[in-house]
Amino acid sequence: VLLVESGGGLVQPGGSLRLSCATSGFTFSNYAMSWYQQAPGKERELVAAISSTGAITYYADSVKGRFTISRDNHKNTAFLQMDSLKPEDTAVYYCNVVLGRNYWGQGTQVTVSS
């Protein structure tokens, strides 16, 4: 199982980023996917999740209305569109899949600062 995040970077408040999570080693279309964030000195927290078909999504209150999770089951890739970014969104973002246990990518840094 391999998860590889990309798309992070430095952005000004109010800006946007689109994170991608390319996967391999499992049948992507059979499993829900999630995105987590981990800010410095804090625990890793669930940001958004999407069902295997994409029909059901979940968002943490802190990102509801600003972030959109999606997936492309033909490309085995999950996405997190992040709009109206705030400084408090600064964190390392990880994608996650549960296959008997948690699998994580290496993370991608998002920094929101002027």
N, C-alpha and C. Protein backbone atom coordinates (compact mmCIF):
# COMPACT_ATOMS: atom_id res chain seq x y z
N VAL A 1 0.85 -1.18 0.00
CA VAL A 1 0.00 0.00 0.00
C VAL A 1 0.89 1.24 0.00
N LEU A 2 0.62 2.13 -0.93
CA LEU A 2 1.41 3.35 -1.03
C LEU A 2 0.48 4.53 -1.24
N LEU A 3 0.67 5.56 -0.41
CA LEU A 3 -0.08 6.81 -0.53
C LEU A 3 0.93 7.94 -0.68
N VAL A 4 0.77 8.76 -1.71
CA VAL A 4 1.72 9.84 -1.96
C VAL A 4 0.95 11.14 -2.14
N GLU A 5 1.13 12.04 -1.16
CA GLU A 5 0.45 13.34 -1.22
C GLU A 5 1.31 14.34 -2.00
N SER A 6 0.64 15.29 -2.61
CA SER A 6 1.31 16.39 -3.30
C SER A 6 0.38 17.58 -3.35
N GLY A 7 0.93 18.74 -3.70
CA GLY A 7 0.12 19.93 -3.89
C GLY A 7 0.21 20.96 -2.80
N GLY A 8 0.94 20.67 -1.73
CA GLY A 8 1.08 21.65 -0.67
C GLY A 8 1.97 22.81 -1.08
N GLY A 9 2.06 23.80 -0.20
CA GLY A 9 2.91 24.94 -0.49
C GLY A 9 2.57 26.11 0.41
N LEU A 10 3.12 27.26 0.04
CA LEU A 10 2.89 28.51 0.76
C LEU A 10 1.84 29.32 0.00
N VAL A 11 0.83 29.77 0.71
CA VAL A 11 -0.25 30.52 0.09
C VAL A 11 -0.68 31.64 1.04
N GLN A 12 -1.14 32.74 0.48
CA GLN A 12 -1.62 33.84 1.30
C GLN A 12 -3.02 33.55 1.83
N PRO A 13 -3.37 34.17 2.95
CA PRO A 13 -4.74 34.01 3.46
C PRO A 13 -5.76 34.36 2.37
N GLY A 14 -6.81 33.53 2.30
CA GLY A 14 -7.81 33.71 1.27
C GLY A 14 -7.52 32.95 0.00
N GLY A 15 -6.34 32.39 -0.11
CA GLY A 15 -5.94 31.66 -1.31
C GLY A 15 -6.45 30.24 -1.33
N SER A 16 -6.04 29.51 -2.37
CA SER A 16 -6.50 28.13 -2.56
C SER A 16 -5.33 27.22 -2.88
N LEU A 17 -5.51 25.96 -2.52
CA LEU A 17 -4.60 24.89 -2.90
C LEU A 17 -5.43 23.65 -3.19
N ARG A 18 -4.89 22.79 -4.05
CA ARG A 18 -5.53 21.49 -4.30
C ARG A 18 -4.51 20.40 -4.00
N LEU A 19 -4.82 19.61 -2.98
CA LEU A 19 -3.95 18.48 -2.62
C LEU A 19 -4.40 17.24 -3.36
N SER A 20 -3.41 16.40 -3.72
CA SER A 20 -3.69 15.12 -4.35
C SER A 20 -3.07 14.00 -3.53
N CYS A 21 -3.70 12.85 -3.57
CA CYS A 21 -3.19 11.65 -2.92
C CYS A 21 -3.24 10.51 -3.92
N ALA A 22 -2.11 10.21 -4.52
CA ALA A 22 -2.01 9.11 -5.47
C ALA A 22 -1.78 7.82 -4.70
N THR A 23 -2.52 6.77 -5.06
CA THR A 23 -2.45 5.53 -4.30
C THR A 23 -2.12 4.34 -5.19
N SER A 24 -1.63 3.29 -4.56
CA SER A 24 -1.39 2.02 -5.24
C SER A 24 -1.33 0.92 -4.20
N GLY A 25 -1.47 -0.32 -4.66
CA GLY A 25 -1.32 -1.46 -3.76
C GLY A 25 -2.59 -1.98 -3.15
N PHE A 26 -3.70 -1.37 -3.48
CA PHE A 26 -4.99 -1.87 -3.00
C PHE A 26 -6.06 -1.43 -4.00
N THR A 27 -7.26 -2.00 -3.85
CA THR A 27 -8.35 -1.68 -4.76
C THR A 27 -9.01 -0.39 -4.29
N PHE A 28 -8.53 0.70 -4.84
CA PHE A 28 -8.90 2.05 -4.38
C PHE A 28 -10.41 2.25 -4.34
N SER A 29 -11.12 1.77 -5.34
CA SER A 29 -12.55 2.05 -5.46
C SER A 29 -13.37 1.34 -4.40
N ASN A 30 -12.75 0.46 -3.61
CA ASN A 30 -13.48 -0.28 -2.58
C ASN A 30 -13.42 0.37 -1.20
N TYR A 31 -12.63 1.44 -1.05
CA TYR A 31 -12.35 1.96 0.28
C TYR A 31 -12.60 3.46 0.40
N ALA A 32 -13.11 3.83 1.58
CA ALA A 32 -13.20 5.24 1.92
C ALA A 32 -11.79 5.82 2.08
N MET A 33 -11.67 7.11 1.82
CA MET A 33 -10.41 7.82 1.97
C MET A 33 -10.63 9.02 2.88
N SER A 34 -9.57 9.41 3.56
CA SER A 34 -9.67 10.54 4.48
C SER A 34 -8.45 11.44 4.35
N TRP A 35 -8.64 12.69 4.74
CA TRP A 35 -7.54 13.64 4.88
C TRP A 35 -7.48 14.10 6.33
N TYR A 36 -6.26 14.17 6.86
CA TYR A 36 -6.01 14.65 8.21
C TYR A 36 -5.04 15.81 8.14
N GLN A 37 -5.08 16.63 9.18
CA GLN A 37 -4.09 17.69 9.32
C GLN A 37 -3.40 17.56 10.68
N GLN A 38 -2.12 17.94 10.69
CA GLN A 38 -1.38 17.96 11.95
C GLN A 38 -0.59 19.25 12.02
N ALA A 39 -1.05 20.14 12.89
CA ALA A 39 -0.37 21.41 13.11
C ALA A 39 0.76 21.20 14.12
N PRO A 40 1.75 22.10 14.12
CA PRO A 40 2.87 21.96 15.05
C PRO A 40 2.40 21.87 16.50
N GLY A 41 2.87 20.85 17.20
CA GLY A 41 2.54 20.69 18.60
C GLY A 41 1.15 20.14 18.87
N LYS A 42 0.43 19.78 17.82
CA LYS A 42 -0.93 19.27 18.00
C LYS A 42 -1.06 17.85 17.47
N GLU A 43 -2.13 17.20 17.87
CA GLU A 43 -2.39 15.84 17.39
C GLU A 43 -2.96 15.89 15.97
N ARG A 44 -2.82 14.79 15.28
CA ARG A 44 -3.38 14.67 13.94
C ARG A 44 -4.91 14.63 14.04
N GLU A 45 -5.57 15.44 13.22
CA GLU A 45 -7.02 15.56 13.29
C GLU A 45 -7.65 15.29 11.93
N LEU A 46 -8.82 14.66 11.96
CA LEU A 46 -9.56 14.39 10.73
C LEU A 46 -10.13 15.69 10.17
N VAL A 47 -9.89 15.92 8.89
CA VAL A 47 -10.39 17.10 8.20
C VAL A 47 -11.59 16.76 7.33
N ALA A 48 -11.46 15.69 6.54
CA ALA A 48 -12.52 15.32 5.61
C ALA A 48 -12.40 13.86 5.25
N ALA A 49 -13.52 13.27 4.88
CA ALA A 49 -13.54 11.87 4.48
C ALA A 49 -14.56 11.69 3.35
N ILE A 50 -14.34 10.65 2.55
CA ILE A 50 -15.22 10.39 1.42
C ILE A 50 -15.42 8.89 1.29
N SER A 51 -16.64 8.48 1.01
CA SER A 51 -16.95 7.06 0.86
C SER A 51 -16.33 6.50 -0.42
N SER A 52 -16.41 5.20 -0.56
CA SER A 52 -15.74 4.54 -1.68
C SER A 52 -16.27 5.01 -3.04
N THR A 53 -17.55 5.29 -3.11
CA THR A 53 -18.14 5.75 -4.38
C THR A 53 -18.11 7.26 -4.53
N GLY A 54 -17.83 7.95 -3.43
CA GLY A 54 -17.87 9.41 -3.45
C GLY A 54 -19.22 10.00 -3.10
N ALA A 55 -20.18 9.13 -2.82
CA ALA A 55 -21.54 9.62 -2.58
C ALA A 55 -21.70 10.28 -1.22
N ILE A 56 -20.86 9.90 -0.27
CA ILE A 56 -20.98 10.42 1.10
C ILE A 56 -19.67 11.09 1.48
N THR A 57 -19.78 12.30 2.02
CA THR A 57 -18.61 13.03 2.48
C THR A 57 -18.83 13.53 3.90
N TYR A 58 -17.72 13.77 4.57
CA TYR A 58 -17.73 14.31 5.93
C TYR A 58 -16.69 15.42 6.00
N TYR A 59 -17.03 16.47 6.75
CA TYR A 59 -16.08 17.57 6.95
C TYR A 59 -16.05 17.97 8.43
N ALA A 60 -14.88 18.27 8.92
CA ALA A 60 -14.78 18.87 10.24
C ALA A 60 -15.41 20.26 10.20
N ASP A 61 -15.96 20.68 11.30
CA ASP A 61 -16.62 21.99 11.36
C ASP A 61 -15.69 23.12 10.94
N SER A 62 -14.42 22.96 11.27
CA SER A 62 -13.45 24.03 11.00
C SER A 62 -13.21 24.28 9.51
N VAL A 63 -13.56 23.30 8.66
CA VAL A 63 -13.30 23.46 7.22
C VAL A 63 -14.57 23.40 6.38
N LYS A 64 -15.69 23.15 7.02
CA LYS A 64 -16.95 23.02 6.28
C LYS A 64 -17.24 24.29 5.49
N GLY A 65 -17.57 24.12 4.22
CA GLY A 65 -17.86 25.26 3.36
C GLY A 65 -16.63 25.84 2.68
N ARG A 66 -15.45 25.41 3.09
CA ARG A 66 -14.20 25.91 2.49
C ARG A 66 -13.40 24.82 1.77
N PHE A 67 -13.46 23.60 2.29
CA PHE A 67 -12.72 22.48 1.71
C PHE A 67 -13.69 21.53 1.02
N THR A 68 -13.21 20.89 -0.04
CA THR A 68 -14.01 19.90 -0.75
C THR A 68 -13.17 18.67 -1.02
N ILE A 69 -13.63 17.53 -0.54
CA ILE A 69 -12.94 16.27 -0.79
C ILE A 69 -13.59 15.60 -2.00
N SER A 70 -12.77 14.97 -2.82
CA SER A 70 -13.28 14.25 -3.99
C SER A 70 -12.33 13.11 -4.31
N ARG A 71 -12.73 12.31 -5.29
CA ARG A 71 -11.89 11.17 -5.68
C ARG A 71 -12.12 10.83 -7.14
N ASP A 72 -11.12 10.23 -7.74
CA ASP A 72 -11.22 9.72 -9.10
C ASP A 72 -10.86 8.24 -9.04
N ASN A 73 -11.86 7.40 -9.08
CA ASN A 73 -11.64 5.96 -8.93
C ASN A 73 -10.98 5.33 -10.16
N HIS A 74 -10.93 6.04 -11.25
CA HIS A 74 -10.21 5.54 -12.43
C HIS A 74 -8.72 5.81 -12.31
N LYS A 75 -8.38 6.89 -11.59
CA LYS A 75 -6.97 7.27 -11.42
C LYS A 75 -6.42 6.91 -10.05
N ASN A 76 -7.26 6.26 -9.22
CA ASN A 76 -6.82 5.84 -7.87
C ASN A 76 -6.25 7.01 -7.08
N THR A 77 -6.92 8.14 -7.16
CA THR A 77 -6.43 9.35 -6.55
C THR A 77 -7.54 10.06 -5.78
N ALA A 78 -7.20 10.56 -4.61
CA ALA A 78 -8.10 11.39 -3.82
C ALA A 78 -7.59 12.83 -3.84
N PHE A 79 -8.52 13.76 -3.65
CA PHE A 79 -8.18 15.18 -3.72
C PHE A 79 -8.76 15.93 -2.53
N LEU A 80 -8.14 17.04 -2.19
CA LEU A 80 -8.70 17.96 -1.21
C LEU A 80 -8.53 19.37 -1.77
N GLN A 81 -9.64 19.96 -2.21
CA GLN A 81 -9.63 21.33 -2.66
C GLN A 81 -9.80 22.24 -1.46
N MET A 82 -8.86 23.15 -1.26
CA MET A 82 -8.85 23.99 -0.09
C MET A 82 -8.98 25.44 -0.55
N ASP A 83 -10.10 26.06 -0.24
CA ASP A 83 -10.36 27.45 -0.60
C ASP A 83 -10.48 28.32 0.65
N SER A 84 -10.41 29.62 0.44
CA SER A 84 -10.53 30.58 1.55
C SER A 84 -9.63 30.18 2.71
N LEU A 85 -8.39 29.88 2.40
CA LEU A 85 -7.47 29.39 3.43
C LEU A 85 -7.18 30.44 4.48
N LYS A 86 -7.00 29.95 5.70
CA LYS A 86 -6.74 30.79 6.86
C LYS A 86 -5.39 30.39 7.47
N PRO A 87 -4.76 31.29 8.20
CA PRO A 87 -3.49 30.92 8.85
C PRO A 87 -3.61 29.69 9.73
N GLU A 88 -4.76 29.51 10.35
CA GLU A 88 -4.95 28.35 11.22
C GLU A 88 -5.06 27.03 10.46
N ASP A 89 -5.12 27.09 9.14
CA ASP A 89 -5.09 25.87 8.32
C ASP A 89 -3.66 25.36 8.12
N THR A 90 -2.67 26.13 8.54
CA THR A 90 -1.28 25.73 8.41
C THR A 90 -1.02 24.42 9.15
N ALA A 91 -0.53 23.44 8.41
CA ALA A 91 -0.34 22.09 8.97
C ALA A 91 0.29 21.20 7.91
N VAL A 92 0.70 20.03 8.34
CA VAL A 92 1.02 18.96 7.40
C VAL A 92 -0.26 18.18 7.17
N TYR A 93 -0.57 17.94 5.91
CA TYR A 93 -1.79 17.23 5.54
C TYR A 93 -1.44 15.83 5.06
N TYR A 94 -2.17 14.85 5.61
CA TYR A 94 -1.93 13.45 5.30
C TYR A 94 -3.19 12.82 4.73
N CYS A 95 -3.04 11.96 3.74
CA CYS A 95 -4.18 11.14 3.35
C CYS A 95 -4.08 9.79 4.05
N ASN A 96 -5.23 9.15 4.18
CA ASN A 96 -5.34 7.95 5.02
C ASN A 96 -6.32 6.97 4.41
N VAL A 97 -5.99 5.70 4.54
CA VAL A 97 -6.92 4.63 4.23
C VAL A 97 -6.78 3.57 5.32
N VAL A 98 -7.90 2.97 5.66
CA VAL A 98 -7.89 1.92 6.68
C VAL A 98 -8.08 0.58 5.99
N LEU A 99 -7.07 -0.24 6.06
CA LEU A 99 -7.09 -1.60 5.50
C LEU A 99 -6.64 -2.53 6.61
N GLY A 100 -7.53 -2.77 7.55
CA GLY A 100 -7.12 -3.54 8.72
C GLY A 100 -6.37 -2.70 9.73
N ARG A 101 -5.57 -1.80 9.24
CA ARG A 101 -4.87 -0.81 10.06
C ARG A 101 -4.79 0.47 9.25
N ASN A 102 -4.35 1.53 9.92
CA ASN A 102 -4.19 2.81 9.23
C ASN A 102 -2.95 2.82 8.34
N TYR A 103 -3.13 3.30 7.12
CA TYR A 103 -2.00 3.58 6.25
C TYR A 103 -1.97 5.09 5.98
N TRP A 104 -0.77 5.65 6.00
CA TRP A 104 -0.58 7.09 5.83
C TRP A 104 0.43 7.37 4.71
N GLY A 105 0.26 8.52 4.09
CA GLY A 105 1.29 9.01 3.20
C GLY A 105 2.35 9.74 4.00
N GLN A 106 3.28 10.35 3.27
CA GLN A 106 4.39 11.06 3.93
C GLN A 106 3.99 12.47 4.36
N GLY A 107 2.85 12.93 3.87
CA GLY A 107 2.37 14.26 4.22
C GLY A 107 2.85 15.34 3.27
N THR A 108 2.08 16.41 3.20
CA THR A 108 2.46 17.58 2.40
C THR A 108 2.20 18.83 3.24
N GLN A 109 3.17 19.73 3.27
CA GLN A 109 3.10 20.92 4.12
C GLN A 109 2.25 21.98 3.45
N VAL A 110 1.31 22.52 4.20
CA VAL A 110 0.52 23.68 3.77
C VAL A 110 0.79 24.81 4.75
N THR A 111 1.25 25.93 4.23
CA THR A 111 1.52 27.10 5.05
C THR A 111 0.71 28.27 4.52
N VAL A 112 -0.11 28.84 5.38
CA VAL A 112 -0.95 29.97 5.01
C VAL A 112 -0.43 31.19 5.77
N SER A 113 0.16 32.09 5.03
CA SER A 113 0.80 33.25 5.66
C SER A 113 0.94 34.37 4.66
N SER A 114 0.85 35.59 5.15
CA SER A 114 1.07 36.76 4.30
C SER A 114 2.54 37.20 4.37
